Amino acid sequence: MTFANLKGPVILDIPADPPAMCIVRALVDTISARIGFEPAQADRLVLAVDEACTNVIRHAYKNKGDERIVVTFSIGAGSLVISVRDFGIGAAPETFRGRDLNDIRPGGLGTHFITSAVDRIEYDNPPGGGVLLKLTKFLPEEEKERN
């Protein structure tokens, strides 16, 4: 059975703790490979989701590891949608900016990694607080048709 044949989404509920990120990275990599993304594309998706979760840990939860992150994977309409949901400090999406790429120093590049890996990004402030980030990547056959 391939991922595309599943009857519903895959939902991963993990602690907002850096050691748990290896689980997220492994699942993103496995699902991306099963769908048929090239290794380089899969690697970019892994990095994007890891960066999104790291941003949640740092900014929404202020490095408190006792909070939760829910990562949902679903396929539909020719795309993989990876949603990252936190229940922390809500933020206005227009404030999410990476630093200038000419400013060479560690950190602040997560938003650039995320935007370069996916085809669409949507932010929502759902009921109950926090932020819901939806990352959409067109499936390999869809991507070929669009180009």
N, C-alpha and C. Protein backbone atom coordinates (compact mmCIF):
# COMPACT_ATOMS: atom_id res chain seq x y z
N MET A 1 0.84 -1.18 0.00
CA MET A 1 0.00 0.00 0.00
C MET A 1 0.88 1.24 0.00
N THR A 2 0.57 2.16 -0.87
CA THR A 2 1.32 3.41 -0.88
C THR A 2 0.60 4.43 -0.03
N PHE A 3 1.27 5.48 0.29
CA PHE A 3 0.70 6.53 1.13
C PHE A 3 -0.56 7.10 0.48
N ALA A 4 -0.55 7.23 -0.84
CA ALA A 4 -1.68 7.82 -1.55
C ALA A 4 -2.95 6.99 -1.40
N ASN A 5 -2.83 5.71 -1.03
CA ASN A 5 -3.99 4.84 -0.88
C ASN A 5 -4.58 4.83 0.52
N LEU A 6 -3.99 5.55 1.45
CA LEU A 6 -4.52 5.59 2.80
C LEU A 6 -5.90 6.23 2.81
N LYS A 7 -6.73 5.80 3.73
CA LYS A 7 -8.11 6.29 3.81
C LYS A 7 -8.23 7.65 4.51
N GLY A 8 -7.16 8.13 5.07
CA GLY A 8 -7.22 9.43 5.76
C GLY A 8 -5.83 9.95 6.00
N PRO A 9 -5.74 11.06 6.72
CA PRO A 9 -4.42 11.66 6.96
C PRO A 9 -3.61 10.85 7.98
N VAL A 10 -2.31 11.10 7.97
CA VAL A 10 -1.41 10.58 9.00
C VAL A 10 -1.19 11.74 9.96
N ILE A 11 -1.45 11.50 11.24
CA ILE A 11 -1.36 12.56 12.25
C ILE A 11 -0.31 12.16 13.28
N LEU A 12 0.65 13.03 13.46
CA LEU A 12 1.73 12.82 14.41
C LEU A 12 1.64 13.88 15.50
N ASP A 13 1.45 13.47 16.73
CA ASP A 13 1.35 14.37 17.87
C ASP A 13 2.60 14.14 18.72
N ILE A 14 3.48 15.14 18.76
CA ILE A 14 4.78 14.97 19.42
C ILE A 14 5.03 16.07 20.45
N PRO A 15 5.93 15.81 21.38
CA PRO A 15 6.31 16.89 22.29
C PRO A 15 7.11 17.96 21.55
N ALA A 16 6.96 19.17 21.98
CA ALA A 16 7.71 20.30 21.40
C ALA A 16 9.10 20.32 22.01
N ASP A 17 9.87 19.30 21.67
CA ASP A 17 11.17 19.06 22.27
C ASP A 17 12.14 18.68 21.15
N PRO A 18 13.28 19.34 21.03
CA PRO A 18 14.20 19.05 19.92
C PRO A 18 14.52 17.57 19.69
N PRO A 19 14.70 16.73 20.72
CA PRO A 19 14.96 15.32 20.43
C PRO A 19 13.83 14.62 19.66
N ALA A 20 12.61 15.12 19.76
CA ALA A 20 11.49 14.52 19.05
C ALA A 20 11.51 14.83 17.55
N MET A 21 12.31 15.81 17.15
CA MET A 21 12.34 16.21 15.74
C MET A 21 12.87 15.10 14.84
N CYS A 22 13.65 14.16 15.38
CA CYS A 22 14.14 13.05 14.55
C CYS A 22 12.97 12.21 14.05
N ILE A 23 11.90 12.11 14.84
CA ILE A 23 10.71 11.36 14.43
C ILE A 23 10.03 12.08 13.27
N VAL A 24 9.90 13.39 13.38
CA VAL A 24 9.27 14.19 12.32
C VAL A 24 10.09 14.07 11.03
N ARG A 25 11.41 14.25 11.14
CA ARG A 25 12.27 14.17 9.95
C ARG A 25 12.16 12.81 9.28
N ALA A 26 12.17 11.75 10.06
CA ALA A 26 12.09 10.40 9.50
C ALA A 26 10.76 10.18 8.77
N LEU A 27 9.67 10.66 9.36
CA LEU A 27 8.36 10.48 8.73
C LEU A 27 8.22 11.30 7.45
N VAL A 28 8.69 12.54 7.47
CA VAL A 28 8.64 13.37 6.26
C VAL A 28 9.45 12.70 5.15
N ASP A 29 10.63 12.22 5.48
CA ASP A 29 11.49 11.57 4.51
C ASP A 29 10.84 10.32 3.94
N THR A 30 10.28 9.49 4.80
CA THR A 30 9.64 8.24 4.36
C THR A 30 8.44 8.51 3.46
N ILE A 31 7.58 9.42 3.89
CA ILE A 31 6.39 9.73 3.09
C ILE A 31 6.79 10.35 1.76
N SER A 32 7.72 11.27 1.77
CA SER A 32 8.17 11.92 0.53
C SER A 32 8.73 10.91 -0.46
N ALA A 33 9.52 9.99 0.03
CA ALA A 33 10.11 8.96 -0.84
C ALA A 33 9.02 8.05 -1.40
N ARG A 34 8.07 7.65 -0.56
CA ARG A 34 6.99 6.76 -1.03
C ARG A 34 6.10 7.42 -2.08
N ILE A 35 5.94 8.72 -1.96
CA ILE A 35 5.12 9.45 -2.93
C ILE A 35 5.84 9.56 -4.26
N GLY A 36 7.16 9.55 -4.23
CA GLY A 36 7.93 9.63 -5.47
C GLY A 36 8.74 10.89 -5.66
N PHE A 37 8.89 11.68 -4.61
CA PHE A 37 9.73 12.86 -4.73
C PHE A 37 11.19 12.43 -4.88
N GLU A 38 11.93 13.17 -5.68
CA GLU A 38 13.36 12.93 -5.83
C GLU A 38 14.03 13.16 -4.47
N PRO A 39 15.17 12.50 -4.22
CA PRO A 39 15.84 12.66 -2.93
C PRO A 39 16.12 14.12 -2.55
N ALA A 40 16.51 14.94 -3.51
CA ALA A 40 16.79 16.35 -3.20
C ALA A 40 15.52 17.08 -2.76
N GLN A 41 14.39 16.78 -3.41
CA GLN A 41 13.11 17.39 -3.02
C GLN A 41 12.70 16.92 -1.62
N ALA A 42 12.87 15.63 -1.39
CA ALA A 42 12.53 15.07 -0.07
C ALA A 42 13.39 15.73 1.01
N ASP A 43 14.67 15.91 0.73
CA ASP A 43 15.55 16.56 1.71
C ASP A 43 15.11 17.98 2.01
N ARG A 44 14.68 18.72 0.99
CA ARG A 44 14.20 20.09 1.20
C ARG A 44 12.91 20.10 2.03
N LEU A 45 12.04 19.12 1.78
CA LEU A 45 10.81 19.03 2.58
C LEU A 45 11.12 18.70 4.04
N VAL A 46 12.06 17.78 4.24
CA VAL A 46 12.48 17.43 5.61
C VAL A 46 12.99 18.68 6.32
N LEU A 47 13.85 19.43 5.65
CA LEU A 47 14.40 20.65 6.25
C LEU A 47 13.30 21.67 6.54
N ALA A 48 12.36 21.83 5.61
CA ALA A 48 11.29 22.81 5.78
C ALA A 48 10.42 22.48 6.99
N VAL A 49 10.03 21.22 7.12
CA VAL A 49 9.17 20.84 8.24
C VAL A 49 9.94 20.91 9.56
N ASP A 50 11.20 20.50 9.52
CA ASP A 50 12.04 20.61 10.71
C ASP A 50 12.16 22.07 11.15
N GLU A 51 12.37 22.97 10.20
CA GLU A 51 12.46 24.40 10.51
C GLU A 51 11.14 24.93 11.07
N ALA A 52 10.02 24.50 10.49
CA ALA A 52 8.72 24.95 10.99
C ALA A 52 8.52 24.51 12.44
N CYS A 53 8.86 23.26 12.73
CA CYS A 53 8.71 22.75 14.10
C CYS A 53 9.68 23.45 15.05
N THR A 54 10.89 23.69 14.59
CA THR A 54 11.87 24.39 15.41
C THR A 54 11.39 25.81 15.73
N ASN A 55 10.78 26.47 14.75
CA ASN A 55 10.22 27.81 14.98
C ASN A 55 9.11 27.76 16.04
N VAL A 56 8.30 26.70 16.00
CA VAL A 56 7.25 26.53 17.01
C VAL A 56 7.89 26.42 18.39
N ILE A 57 8.90 25.56 18.50
CA ILE A 57 9.56 25.34 19.79
C ILE A 57 10.14 26.66 20.32
N ARG A 58 10.84 27.39 19.46
CA ARG A 58 11.50 28.62 19.89
C ARG A 58 10.56 29.78 20.14
N HIS A 59 9.63 29.99 19.21
CA HIS A 59 8.84 31.21 19.25
C HIS A 59 7.47 31.03 19.90
N ALA A 60 6.74 29.97 19.55
CA ALA A 60 5.40 29.78 20.11
C ALA A 60 5.46 29.27 21.53
N TYR A 61 6.46 28.43 21.83
CA TYR A 61 6.54 27.82 23.15
C TYR A 61 7.72 28.29 23.98
N LYS A 62 8.54 29.18 23.45
CA LYS A 62 9.68 29.74 24.21
C LYS A 62 10.54 28.63 24.83
N ASN A 63 10.77 27.56 24.04
CA ASN A 63 11.63 26.43 24.42
C ASN A 63 11.12 25.59 25.58
N LYS A 64 9.81 25.63 25.84
CA LYS A 64 9.22 24.76 26.87
C LYS A 64 8.89 23.42 26.22
N GLY A 65 9.54 22.37 26.62
CA GLY A 65 9.36 21.05 26.00
C GLY A 65 8.12 20.30 26.42
N ASP A 66 7.31 20.88 27.31
CA ASP A 66 6.13 20.16 27.77
C ASP A 66 4.87 20.49 26.95
N GLU A 67 5.03 21.19 25.86
CA GLU A 67 3.92 21.52 24.97
C GLU A 67 3.86 20.50 23.83
N ARG A 68 2.87 20.63 22.95
CA ARG A 68 2.68 19.66 21.87
C ARG A 68 2.71 20.34 20.50
N ILE A 69 3.14 19.57 19.50
CA ILE A 69 3.07 19.97 18.09
C ILE A 69 2.35 18.83 17.38
N VAL A 70 1.38 19.19 16.55
CA VAL A 70 0.66 18.19 15.77
C VAL A 70 1.02 18.40 14.30
N VAL A 71 1.59 17.36 13.69
CA VAL A 71 1.98 17.42 12.28
C VAL A 71 1.06 16.44 11.53
N THR A 72 0.37 16.95 10.51
CA THR A 72 -0.58 16.15 9.76
C THR A 72 -0.15 16.08 8.30
N PHE A 73 -0.16 14.88 7.74
CA PHE A 73 0.21 14.65 6.35
C PHE A 73 -1.04 14.16 5.62
N SER A 74 -1.37 14.82 4.50
CA SER A 74 -2.51 14.36 3.70
C SER A 74 -2.23 14.60 2.22
N ILE A 75 -2.83 13.72 1.41
CA ILE A 75 -2.69 13.84 -0.04
C ILE A 75 -4.07 14.10 -0.61
N GLY A 76 -4.13 15.03 -1.53
CA GLY A 76 -5.38 15.31 -2.21
C GLY A 76 -5.16 16.33 -3.29
N ALA A 77 -5.92 16.25 -4.33
CA ALA A 77 -5.88 17.22 -5.42
C ALA A 77 -4.46 17.43 -5.95
N GLY A 78 -3.72 16.32 -6.11
CA GLY A 78 -2.40 16.41 -6.72
C GLY A 78 -1.30 16.99 -5.86
N SER A 79 -1.51 17.00 -4.55
CA SER A 79 -0.48 17.59 -3.69
C SER A 79 -0.39 16.88 -2.35
N LEU A 80 0.77 17.02 -1.74
CA LEU A 80 1.00 16.62 -0.37
C LEU A 80 0.86 17.87 0.48
N VAL A 81 0.03 17.80 1.51
CA VAL A 81 -0.13 18.92 2.43
C VAL A 81 0.39 18.47 3.79
N ILE A 82 1.34 19.22 4.31
CA ILE A 82 1.89 18.96 5.63
C ILE A 82 1.49 20.14 6.51
N SER A 83 0.69 19.86 7.52
CA SER A 83 0.23 20.91 8.43
C SER A 83 0.98 20.79 9.75
N VAL A 84 1.43 21.93 10.24
CA VAL A 84 2.12 22.00 11.53
C VAL A 84 1.27 22.89 12.42
N ARG A 85 0.76 22.30 13.51
CA ARG A 85 -0.17 23.01 14.41
C ARG A 85 0.45 23.14 15.79
N ASP A 86 0.45 24.36 16.30
CA ASP A 86 0.88 24.56 17.68
C ASP A 86 -0.27 25.19 18.45
N PHE A 87 -0.14 25.21 19.76
CA PHE A 87 -1.16 25.76 20.63
C PHE A 87 -0.55 26.84 21.53
N GLY A 88 0.50 27.45 21.03
CA GLY A 88 1.25 28.42 21.81
C GLY A 88 0.81 29.84 21.58
N ILE A 89 1.78 30.72 21.73
CA ILE A 89 1.56 32.14 21.55
C ILE A 89 1.22 32.39 20.09
N GLY A 90 0.04 32.88 19.82
CA GLY A 90 -0.35 33.18 18.45
C GLY A 90 0.47 34.34 17.90
N ALA A 91 0.59 34.38 16.61
CA ALA A 91 1.36 35.44 15.96
C ALA A 91 0.70 35.82 14.65
N ALA A 92 0.92 37.03 14.23
CA ALA A 92 0.40 37.49 12.95
C ALA A 92 1.34 37.00 11.84
N PRO A 93 0.82 36.24 10.88
CA PRO A 93 1.66 35.69 9.83
C PRO A 93 2.50 36.72 9.08
N GLU A 94 2.01 37.94 8.97
CA GLU A 94 2.78 38.96 8.25
C GLU A 94 4.07 39.33 8.99
N THR A 95 4.19 38.91 10.24
CA THR A 95 5.42 39.18 10.98
C THR A 95 6.47 38.09 10.78
N PHE A 96 6.11 36.99 10.10
CA PHE A 96 7.05 35.89 9.89
C PHE A 96 7.97 36.24 8.73
N ARG A 97 9.17 36.65 9.04
CA ARG A 97 10.13 37.03 8.00
C ARG A 97 11.49 36.45 8.35
N GLY A 98 12.16 35.95 7.34
CA GLY A 98 13.55 35.56 7.52
C GLY A 98 14.40 36.82 7.44
N ARG A 99 15.59 36.74 7.96
CA ARG A 99 16.46 37.89 7.87
C ARG A 99 17.03 38.00 6.45
N ASP A 100 17.59 39.12 6.16
CA ASP A 100 18.18 39.38 4.84
C ASP A 100 19.27 38.34 4.57
N LEU A 101 19.25 37.76 3.38
CA LEU A 101 20.23 36.73 3.03
C LEU A 101 21.65 37.28 2.95
N ASN A 102 21.80 38.59 2.81
CA ASN A 102 23.13 39.19 2.80
C ASN A 102 23.71 39.38 4.20
N ASP A 103 22.87 39.21 5.20
CA ASP A 103 23.30 39.32 6.59
C ASP A 103 23.82 37.94 7.01
N ILE A 104 25.11 37.72 6.82
CA ILE A 104 25.70 36.39 7.02
C ILE A 104 26.03 36.18 8.49
N ARG A 105 25.24 35.29 9.10
CA ARG A 105 25.43 34.87 10.48
C ARG A 105 24.49 33.70 10.73
N PRO A 106 24.71 32.97 11.80
CA PRO A 106 23.84 31.82 12.08
C PRO A 106 22.41 32.25 12.40
N GLY A 107 21.48 31.38 12.04
CA GLY A 107 20.08 31.58 12.42
C GLY A 107 19.31 32.49 11.49
N GLY A 108 17.98 32.42 11.61
CA GLY A 108 17.10 33.31 10.88
C GLY A 108 16.80 32.93 9.44
N LEU A 109 17.20 31.73 9.03
CA LEU A 109 16.98 31.33 7.64
C LEU A 109 15.83 30.35 7.45
N GLY A 110 15.17 29.98 8.53
CA GLY A 110 14.11 28.98 8.45
C GLY A 110 13.02 29.31 7.45
N THR A 111 12.58 30.56 7.45
CA THR A 111 11.51 30.94 6.50
C THR A 111 11.98 30.80 5.06
N HIS A 112 13.24 31.10 4.80
CA HIS A 112 13.77 30.94 3.44
C HIS A 112 13.80 29.46 3.04
N PHE A 113 14.21 28.60 3.96
CA PHE A 113 14.23 27.17 3.68
C PHE A 113 12.82 26.65 3.41
N ILE A 114 11.87 27.11 4.20
CA ILE A 114 10.49 26.65 4.04
C ILE A 114 9.93 27.10 2.69
N THR A 115 10.06 28.39 2.36
CA THR A 115 9.48 28.89 1.11
C THR A 115 10.15 28.29 -0.13
N SER A 116 11.42 27.92 -0.02
CA SER A 116 12.09 27.33 -1.19
C SER A 116 11.75 25.86 -1.39
N ALA A 117 11.15 25.22 -0.39
CA ALA A 117 10.88 23.78 -0.46
C ALA A 117 9.47 23.45 -0.92
N VAL A 118 8.54 24.38 -0.76
CA VAL A 118 7.14 24.06 -1.04
C VAL A 118 6.56 25.00 -2.10
N ASP A 119 5.39 24.61 -2.59
CA ASP A 119 4.74 25.40 -3.64
C ASP A 119 3.73 26.42 -3.09
N ARG A 120 3.25 26.17 -1.87
CA ARG A 120 2.27 27.08 -1.29
C ARG A 120 2.39 27.03 0.23
N ILE A 121 2.22 28.19 0.85
CA ILE A 121 2.26 28.30 2.31
C ILE A 121 1.01 29.05 2.75
N GLU A 122 0.32 28.50 3.74
CA GLU A 122 -0.85 29.17 4.30
C GLU A 122 -0.73 29.16 5.82
N TYR A 123 -1.08 30.28 6.43
CA TYR A 123 -1.10 30.40 7.89
C TYR A 123 -2.52 30.65 8.33
N ASP A 124 -2.86 30.10 9.50
CA ASP A 124 -4.17 30.36 10.07
C ASP A 124 -4.00 30.46 11.58
N ASN A 125 -4.85 31.24 12.20
CA ASN A 125 -4.91 31.31 13.66
C ASN A 125 -6.20 30.61 14.08
N PRO A 126 -6.14 29.30 14.30
CA PRO A 126 -7.35 28.52 14.58
C PRO A 126 -7.91 28.79 15.98
N PRO A 127 -9.17 28.40 16.18
CA PRO A 127 -9.74 28.51 17.53
C PRO A 127 -8.88 27.71 18.51
N GLY A 128 -8.75 28.21 19.70
CA GLY A 128 -7.94 27.52 20.69
C GLY A 128 -6.52 28.07 20.77
N GLY A 129 -6.22 29.07 19.92
CA GLY A 129 -4.91 29.69 19.95
C GLY A 129 -3.89 29.01 19.07
N GLY A 130 -2.71 29.57 19.08
CA GLY A 130 -1.64 29.00 18.28
C GLY A 130 -1.73 29.36 16.81
N VAL A 131 -0.95 28.62 16.04
CA VAL A 131 -0.86 28.84 14.60
C VAL A 131 -0.97 27.50 13.89
N LEU A 132 -1.65 27.50 12.75
CA LEU A 132 -1.70 26.33 11.87
C LEU A 132 -0.99 26.73 10.58
N LEU A 133 0.10 26.05 10.29
CA LEU A 133 0.88 26.29 9.08
C LEU A 133 0.62 25.14 8.12
N LYS A 134 0.19 25.45 6.90
CA LYS A 134 -0.04 24.42 5.88
C LYS A 134 1.00 24.60 4.77
N LEU A 135 1.79 23.56 4.57
CA LEU A 135 2.80 23.54 3.51
C LEU A 135 2.31 22.60 2.41
N THR A 136 2.16 23.11 1.21
CA THR A 136 1.68 22.30 0.10
C THR A 136 2.80 22.11 -0.92
N LYS A 137 3.01 20.86 -1.29
CA LYS A 137 4.00 20.51 -2.33
C LYS A 137 3.26 19.68 -3.36
N PHE A 138 3.30 20.16 -4.62
CA PHE A 138 2.66 19.41 -5.68
C PHE A 138 3.35 18.07 -5.86
N LEU A 139 2.55 17.04 -6.13
CA LEU A 139 3.10 15.71 -6.34
C LEU A 139 3.97 15.71 -7.60
N PRO A 140 4.94 14.82 -7.67
CA PRO A 140 5.88 14.83 -8.82
C PRO A 140 5.20 14.87 -10.18
N GLU A 141 4.14 14.10 -10.39
CA GLU A 141 3.47 14.12 -11.70
C GLU A 141 2.75 15.43 -11.95
N GLU A 142 2.22 16.05 -10.89
CA GLU A 142 1.57 17.36 -11.01
C GLU A 142 2.59 18.43 -11.35
N GLU A 143 3.75 18.35 -10.70
CA GLU A 143 4.80 19.33 -10.92
C GLU A 143 5.26 19.31 -12.37
N LYS A 144 5.39 18.10 -12.94
CA LYS A 144 5.81 17.96 -14.35
C LYS A 144 4.79 18.59 -15.27
N GLU A 145 3.50 18.40 -14.97
CA GLU A 145 2.44 18.95 -15.81
C GLU A 145 2.41 20.48 -15.74
N ARG A 146 2.76 21.06 -14.59
CA ARG A 146 2.74 22.51 -14.42
C ARG A 146 3.89 23.19 -15.13
N ASN A 147 4.99 22.45 -15.35
CA ASN A 147 6.17 23.05 -16.00
C ASN A 147 6.16 22.89 -17.49
